[in-house]
Amino acid sequence: MSIVRYVNKKTGVVSLYESTSHYDPETKQSRPVRKYLGREDPQTGELIPSTGKRGRKASEKVSETSVDANAASLRAELASLRRELEKKDKTIESLEEKCRKYREVIDAAYELLSSASKQK
């Protein structure tokens, strides 16, 4: 039994395996059997062990009380955002009304100026 180091040339990550020999009677040769141990820490050179499980990690279970509390806080935040949106909509409407009034005053002044310049 020995420890074998594999270095990934692209990433530089060093993987460590435990290697044992196994005799194959059909081919009458010895074959290595390797077990993944983990990675090597680049600074200290120590083994960072693997979890021993394959595949993706399972998502953590969330308790129902935390989901309910989170939903309540999100509803409260949504309500406050809706109130802010209504205030901003009212402000926009009032500003648009002011712009319409100013546009009417400007148009009236423009008509007066153009009629006065035509009379000369």
N, C-alpha and C. Protein backbone atom coordinates (compact mmCIF):
# COMPACT_ATOMS: atom_id res chain seq x y z
N MET A 1 0.85 -1.17 0.00
CA MET A 1 0.00 0.00 0.00
C MET A 1 0.90 1.23 0.00
N SER A 2 0.57 2.17 -0.92
CA SER A 2 1.34 3.41 -1.01
C SER A 2 0.40 4.54 -1.40
N ILE A 3 0.90 5.75 -1.29
CA ILE A 3 0.13 6.93 -1.65
C ILE A 3 0.67 7.46 -2.97
N VAL A 4 -0.25 7.67 -3.93
CA VAL A 4 0.12 8.13 -5.26
C VAL A 4 -0.38 9.55 -5.43
N ARG A 5 0.47 10.42 -6.00
CA ARG A 5 0.11 11.81 -6.25
C ARG A 5 -0.12 12.01 -7.74
N TYR A 6 -1.25 12.61 -8.11
CA TYR A 6 -1.52 12.99 -9.48
C TYR A 6 -1.64 14.51 -9.53
N VAL A 7 -0.89 15.14 -10.44
CA VAL A 7 -0.91 16.59 -10.59
C VAL A 7 -1.63 16.92 -11.89
N ASN A 8 -2.70 17.72 -11.78
CA ASN A 8 -3.41 18.20 -12.95
C ASN A 8 -2.58 19.33 -13.54
N LYS A 9 -2.10 19.16 -14.76
CA LYS A 9 -1.19 20.14 -15.35
C LYS A 9 -1.91 21.46 -15.67
N LYS A 10 -3.20 21.41 -15.95
CA LYS A 10 -3.93 22.64 -16.28
C LYS A 10 -4.19 23.49 -15.05
N THR A 11 -4.64 22.85 -13.96
CA THR A 11 -5.02 23.60 -12.77
C THR A 11 -3.95 23.59 -11.69
N GLY A 12 -3.06 22.64 -11.72
CA GLY A 12 -2.03 22.53 -10.70
C GLY A 12 -2.51 21.86 -9.43
N VAL A 13 -3.72 21.28 -9.44
CA VAL A 13 -4.28 20.63 -8.26
C VAL A 13 -3.64 19.25 -8.12
N VAL A 14 -3.24 18.92 -6.90
CA VAL A 14 -2.63 17.63 -6.62
C VAL A 14 -3.65 16.75 -5.91
N SER A 15 -3.97 15.60 -6.52
CA SER A 15 -4.90 14.64 -5.94
C SER A 15 -4.11 13.48 -5.37
N LEU A 16 -4.55 12.98 -4.21
CA LEU A 16 -3.85 11.87 -3.55
C LEU A 16 -4.73 10.63 -3.56
N TYR A 17 -4.12 9.50 -3.88
CA TYR A 17 -4.80 8.21 -3.93
C TYR A 17 -4.04 7.19 -3.11
N GLU A 18 -4.77 6.24 -2.53
CA GLU A 18 -4.16 5.10 -1.86
C GLU A 18 -4.12 3.97 -2.88
N SER A 19 -2.94 3.44 -3.15
CA SER A 19 -2.78 2.43 -4.19
C SER A 19 -2.37 1.10 -3.56
N THR A 20 -3.10 0.06 -3.91
CA THR A 20 -2.74 -1.30 -3.49
C THR A 20 -2.70 -2.18 -4.72
N SER A 21 -1.89 -3.21 -4.68
CA SER A 21 -1.76 -4.12 -5.82
C SER A 21 -2.78 -5.24 -5.71
N HIS A 22 -3.30 -5.64 -6.87
CA HIS A 22 -4.27 -6.73 -6.94
C HIS A 22 -3.82 -7.66 -8.07
N TYR A 23 -3.72 -8.94 -7.79
CA TYR A 23 -3.28 -9.89 -8.81
C TYR A 23 -4.46 -10.33 -9.65
N ASP A 24 -4.31 -10.22 -11.00
CA ASP A 24 -5.33 -10.65 -11.95
C ASP A 24 -4.94 -12.01 -12.50
N PRO A 25 -5.66 -13.08 -12.11
CA PRO A 25 -5.25 -14.41 -12.55
C PRO A 25 -5.43 -14.64 -14.05
N GLU A 26 -6.35 -13.96 -14.70
CA GLU A 26 -6.55 -14.15 -16.13
C GLU A 26 -5.36 -13.67 -16.93
N THR A 27 -4.89 -12.46 -16.64
CA THR A 27 -3.74 -11.92 -17.37
C THR A 27 -2.43 -12.29 -16.70
N LYS A 28 -2.51 -12.84 -15.48
CA LYS A 28 -1.34 -13.22 -14.69
C LYS A 28 -0.42 -12.01 -14.47
N GLN A 29 -1.07 -10.88 -14.17
CA GLN A 29 -0.33 -9.66 -13.90
C GLN A 29 -0.94 -8.96 -12.69
N SER A 30 -0.14 -8.11 -12.10
CA SER A 30 -0.59 -7.33 -10.96
C SER A 30 -1.18 -6.02 -11.47
N ARG A 31 -2.32 -5.64 -10.93
CA ARG A 31 -2.98 -4.40 -11.32
C ARG A 31 -3.17 -3.51 -10.09
N PRO A 32 -3.02 -2.21 -10.27
CA PRO A 32 -3.22 -1.33 -9.11
C PRO A 32 -4.71 -1.08 -8.87
N VAL A 33 -5.07 -1.01 -7.60
CA VAL A 33 -6.41 -0.61 -7.19
C VAL A 33 -6.23 0.66 -6.38
N ARG A 34 -6.89 1.75 -6.83
CA ARG A 34 -6.67 3.04 -6.18
C ARG A 34 -7.95 3.54 -5.53
N LYS A 35 -7.78 4.17 -4.40
CA LYS A 35 -8.88 4.77 -3.66
C LYS A 35 -8.56 6.23 -3.46
N TYR A 36 -9.51 7.11 -3.83
CA TYR A 36 -9.30 8.55 -3.72
C TYR A 36 -9.31 8.96 -2.25
N LEU A 37 -8.27 9.69 -1.85
CA LEU A 37 -8.17 10.16 -0.47
C LEU A 37 -8.57 11.63 -0.33
N GLY A 38 -8.16 12.45 -1.29
CA GLY A 38 -8.48 13.87 -1.22
C GLY A 38 -7.45 14.68 -1.99
N ARG A 39 -7.37 15.95 -1.68
CA ARG A 39 -6.42 16.86 -2.33
C ARG A 39 -5.30 17.21 -1.38
N GLU A 40 -4.23 17.75 -1.97
CA GLU A 40 -3.09 18.18 -1.18
C GLU A 40 -3.16 19.70 -1.04
N ASP A 41 -2.97 20.19 0.18
CA ASP A 41 -2.96 21.63 0.43
C ASP A 41 -1.70 22.22 -0.20
N PRO A 42 -1.83 23.23 -1.09
CA PRO A 42 -0.65 23.75 -1.78
C PRO A 42 0.36 24.44 -0.85
N GLN A 43 -0.09 25.05 0.26
CA GLN A 43 0.85 25.74 1.14
C GLN A 43 1.57 24.77 2.09
N THR A 44 0.80 23.92 2.74
CA THR A 44 1.38 23.06 3.77
C THR A 44 1.76 21.68 3.26
N GLY A 45 1.17 21.24 2.14
CA GLY A 45 1.46 19.91 1.62
C GLY A 45 0.69 18.82 2.36
N GLU A 46 -0.25 19.19 3.22
CA GLU A 46 -1.02 18.21 3.97
C GLU A 46 -2.24 17.77 3.18
N LEU A 47 -2.77 16.62 3.55
CA LEU A 47 -3.94 16.05 2.91
C LEU A 47 -5.21 16.76 3.35
N ILE A 48 -6.02 17.18 2.38
CA ILE A 48 -7.36 17.70 2.66
C ILE A 48 -8.30 16.57 2.30
N PRO A 49 -8.85 15.85 3.29
CA PRO A 49 -9.61 14.64 2.99
C PRO A 49 -10.92 14.93 2.27
N SER A 50 -11.34 13.97 1.45
CA SER A 50 -12.62 14.09 0.77
C SER A 50 -13.71 13.61 1.72
N THR A 51 -14.95 13.90 1.35
CA THR A 51 -16.06 13.47 2.19
C THR A 51 -16.37 12.00 2.00
N GLY A 52 -15.91 11.43 0.91
CA GLY A 52 -16.18 10.03 0.63
C GLY A 52 -17.47 9.82 -0.11
N LYS A 53 -18.21 10.90 -0.35
CA LYS A 53 -19.46 10.78 -1.08
C LYS A 53 -19.28 11.30 -2.49
N ARG A 54 -19.99 10.72 -3.42
CA ARG A 54 -19.90 11.14 -4.81
C ARG A 54 -21.06 12.04 -5.17
N GLY A 55 -20.89 12.83 -6.22
CA GLY A 55 -21.98 13.64 -6.77
C GLY A 55 -22.13 14.97 -6.06
N ARG A 56 -23.22 15.62 -6.41
CA ARG A 56 -23.49 16.94 -5.83
C ARG A 56 -23.96 16.82 -4.40
N LYS A 57 -23.74 17.89 -3.66
CA LYS A 57 -24.18 17.93 -2.28
C LYS A 57 -25.68 18.15 -2.23
N ALA A 58 -26.35 17.47 -1.32
CA ALA A 58 -27.78 17.64 -1.17
C ALA A 58 -28.07 19.00 -0.56
N SER A 59 -29.13 19.63 -1.03
CA SER A 59 -29.47 20.94 -0.47
C SER A 59 -29.96 20.77 0.95
N GLU A 60 -29.69 21.77 1.77
CA GLU A 60 -30.07 21.69 3.17
C GLU A 60 -31.57 21.85 3.32
N LYS A 61 -32.15 21.13 4.26
CA LYS A 61 -33.57 21.24 4.54
C LYS A 61 -33.81 22.53 5.31
N VAL A 62 -34.84 23.27 4.90
CA VAL A 62 -35.18 24.52 5.57
C VAL A 62 -36.43 24.26 6.40
N SER A 63 -36.39 24.68 7.64
CA SER A 63 -37.55 24.45 8.51
C SER A 63 -38.72 25.31 8.06
N GLU A 64 -39.93 24.82 8.30
CA GLU A 64 -41.13 25.52 7.86
C GLU A 64 -41.33 26.84 8.60
N THR A 65 -40.91 26.90 9.85
CA THR A 65 -41.09 28.15 10.61
C THR A 65 -40.23 29.26 10.02
N SER A 66 -39.01 28.92 9.59
CA SER A 66 -38.17 29.96 9.00
C SER A 66 -38.72 30.40 7.65
N VAL A 67 -39.34 29.46 6.92
CA VAL A 67 -39.95 29.83 5.64
C VAL A 67 -41.14 30.76 5.88
N ASP A 68 -41.97 30.45 6.90
CA ASP A 68 -43.12 31.30 7.20
C ASP A 68 -42.68 32.69 7.64
N ALA A 69 -41.65 32.76 8.47
CA ALA A 69 -41.14 34.05 8.93
C ALA A 69 -40.57 34.84 7.76
N ASN A 70 -39.86 34.14 6.89
CA ASN A 70 -39.28 34.80 5.72
C ASN A 70 -40.38 35.31 4.80
N ALA A 71 -41.43 34.51 4.61
CA ALA A 71 -42.54 34.93 3.76
C ALA A 71 -43.24 36.14 4.33
N ALA A 72 -43.43 36.18 5.65
CA ALA A 72 -44.08 37.32 6.29
C ALA A 72 -43.25 38.59 6.11
N SER A 73 -41.94 38.48 6.28
CA SER A 73 -41.09 39.66 6.10
C SER A 73 -41.11 40.12 4.65
N LEU A 74 -41.15 39.18 3.71
CA LEU A 74 -41.20 39.55 2.30
C LEU A 74 -42.53 40.23 1.95
N ARG A 75 -43.62 39.76 2.57
CA ARG A 75 -44.92 40.41 2.33
C ARG A 75 -44.92 41.84 2.85
N ALA A 76 -44.34 42.05 4.03
CA ALA A 76 -44.28 43.39 4.61
C ALA A 76 -43.43 44.31 3.73
N GLU A 77 -42.32 43.79 3.24
CA GLU A 77 -41.46 44.58 2.36
C GLU A 77 -42.17 44.90 1.05
N LEU A 78 -42.92 43.94 0.54
CA LEU A 78 -43.68 44.17 -0.69
C LEU A 78 -44.73 45.25 -0.50
N ALA A 79 -45.41 45.23 0.63
CA ALA A 79 -46.43 46.25 0.92
C ALA A 79 -45.80 47.64 1.01
N SER A 80 -44.64 47.75 1.65
CA SER A 80 -43.99 49.06 1.75
C SER A 80 -43.52 49.53 0.38
N LEU A 81 -43.04 48.62 -0.44
CA LEU A 81 -42.61 49.00 -1.79
C LEU A 81 -43.80 49.46 -2.64
N ARG A 82 -44.95 48.81 -2.45
CA ARG A 82 -46.15 49.25 -3.18
C ARG A 82 -46.57 50.65 -2.76
N ARG A 83 -46.48 50.96 -1.45
CA ARG A 83 -46.83 52.30 -0.98
C ARG A 83 -45.88 53.34 -1.59
N GLU A 84 -44.60 53.02 -1.62
CA GLU A 84 -43.63 53.94 -2.22
C GLU A 84 -43.93 54.15 -3.70
N LEU A 85 -44.29 53.08 -4.38
CA LEU A 85 -44.60 53.17 -5.81
C LEU A 85 -45.82 54.05 -6.05
N GLU A 86 -46.84 53.91 -5.20
CA GLU A 86 -48.02 54.76 -5.33
C GLU A 86 -47.68 56.23 -5.13
N LYS A 87 -46.81 56.54 -4.12
CA LYS A 87 -46.39 57.92 -3.89
C LYS A 87 -45.66 58.47 -5.11
N LYS A 88 -44.78 57.66 -5.68
CA LYS A 88 -44.01 58.12 -6.84
C LYS A 88 -44.91 58.31 -8.05
N ASP A 89 -45.90 57.43 -8.21
CA ASP A 89 -46.85 57.60 -9.31
C ASP A 89 -47.61 58.91 -9.18
N LYS A 90 -48.05 59.25 -7.96
CA LYS A 90 -48.77 60.51 -7.73
C LYS A 90 -47.86 61.70 -8.03
N THR A 91 -46.60 61.62 -7.62
CA THR A 91 -45.65 62.70 -7.90
C THR A 91 -45.46 62.87 -9.40
N ILE A 92 -45.35 61.76 -10.11
CA ILE A 92 -45.16 61.82 -11.56
C ILE A 92 -46.38 62.44 -12.23
N GLU A 93 -47.57 62.06 -11.78
CA GLU A 93 -48.80 62.62 -12.35
C GLU A 93 -48.87 64.13 -12.13
N SER A 94 -48.50 64.58 -10.91
CA SER A 94 -48.55 66.02 -10.64
C SER A 94 -47.53 66.77 -11.48
N LEU A 95 -46.35 66.19 -11.67
CA LEU A 95 -45.33 66.84 -12.49
C LEU A 95 -45.75 66.88 -13.96
N GLU A 96 -46.40 65.82 -14.43
CA GLU A 96 -46.88 65.83 -15.81
C GLU A 96 -47.95 66.90 -16.01
N GLU A 97 -48.81 67.08 -15.00
CA GLU A 97 -49.85 68.12 -15.09
C GLU A 97 -49.20 69.51 -15.14
N LYS A 98 -48.16 69.72 -14.32
CA LYS A 98 -47.45 71.01 -14.35
C LYS A 98 -46.81 71.22 -15.72
N CYS A 99 -46.24 70.18 -16.29
CA CYS A 99 -45.61 70.30 -17.61
C CYS A 99 -46.63 70.67 -18.67
N ARG A 100 -47.84 70.08 -18.59
CA ARG A 100 -48.90 70.42 -19.55
C ARG A 100 -49.29 71.89 -19.44
N LYS A 101 -49.41 72.38 -18.19
CA LYS A 101 -49.76 73.79 -17.99
C LYS A 101 -48.68 74.70 -18.53
N TYR A 102 -47.41 74.38 -18.25
CA TYR A 102 -46.30 75.19 -18.76
C TYR A 102 -46.25 75.15 -20.28
N ARG A 103 -46.56 73.98 -20.87
CA ARG A 103 -46.55 73.85 -22.32
C ARG A 103 -47.64 74.75 -22.93
N GLU A 104 -48.81 74.81 -22.27
CA GLU A 104 -49.90 75.68 -22.75
C GLU A 104 -49.47 77.15 -22.68
N VAL A 105 -48.82 77.56 -21.59
CA VAL A 105 -48.34 78.95 -21.44
C VAL A 105 -47.31 79.26 -22.51
N ILE A 106 -46.39 78.31 -22.76
CA ILE A 106 -45.34 78.53 -23.77
C ILE A 106 -45.97 78.63 -25.16
N ASP A 107 -46.94 77.76 -25.45
CA ASP A 107 -47.59 77.80 -26.76
C ASP A 107 -48.34 79.13 -26.95
N ALA A 108 -49.02 79.59 -25.90
CA ALA A 108 -49.74 80.87 -25.98
C ALA A 108 -48.77 82.02 -26.20
N ALA A 109 -47.65 82.00 -25.49
CA ALA A 109 -46.64 83.04 -25.66
C ALA A 109 -46.04 82.99 -27.06
N TYR A 110 -45.83 81.81 -27.57
CA TYR A 110 -45.27 81.66 -28.91
C TYR A 110 -46.23 82.21 -29.96
N GLU A 111 -47.53 81.93 -29.78
CA GLU A 111 -48.54 82.45 -30.72
C GLU A 111 -48.58 83.97 -30.67
N LEU A 112 -48.50 84.55 -29.46
CA LEU A 112 -48.49 86.01 -29.35
C LEU A 112 -47.28 86.61 -30.04
N LEU A 113 -46.12 86.00 -29.84
CA LEU A 113 -44.90 86.51 -30.46
C LEU A 113 -44.96 86.37 -31.98
N SER A 114 -45.45 85.26 -32.45
CA SER A 114 -45.50 85.07 -33.89
C SER A 114 -46.53 86.01 -34.55
N SER A 115 -47.66 86.24 -33.87
CA SER A 115 -48.66 87.17 -34.43
C SER A 115 -48.13 88.60 -34.38
N ALA A 116 -47.36 88.96 -33.34
CA ALA A 116 -46.79 90.31 -33.24
C ALA A 116 -45.72 90.51 -34.28
N SER A 117 -44.97 89.50 -34.60
CA SER A 117 -43.91 89.66 -35.61
C SER A 117 -44.52 89.72 -37.01
N LYS A 118 -45.68 89.08 -37.22
CA LYS A 118 -46.34 89.14 -38.53
C LYS A 118 -46.97 90.51 -38.76
N GLN A 119 -47.41 91.18 -37.70
CA GLN A 119 -48.03 92.48 -37.83
C GLN A 119 -47.02 93.56 -38.22
N LYS A 120 -45.78 93.39 -37.93
CA LYS A 120 -44.77 94.40 -38.26
C LYS A 120 -44.41 94.35 -39.66
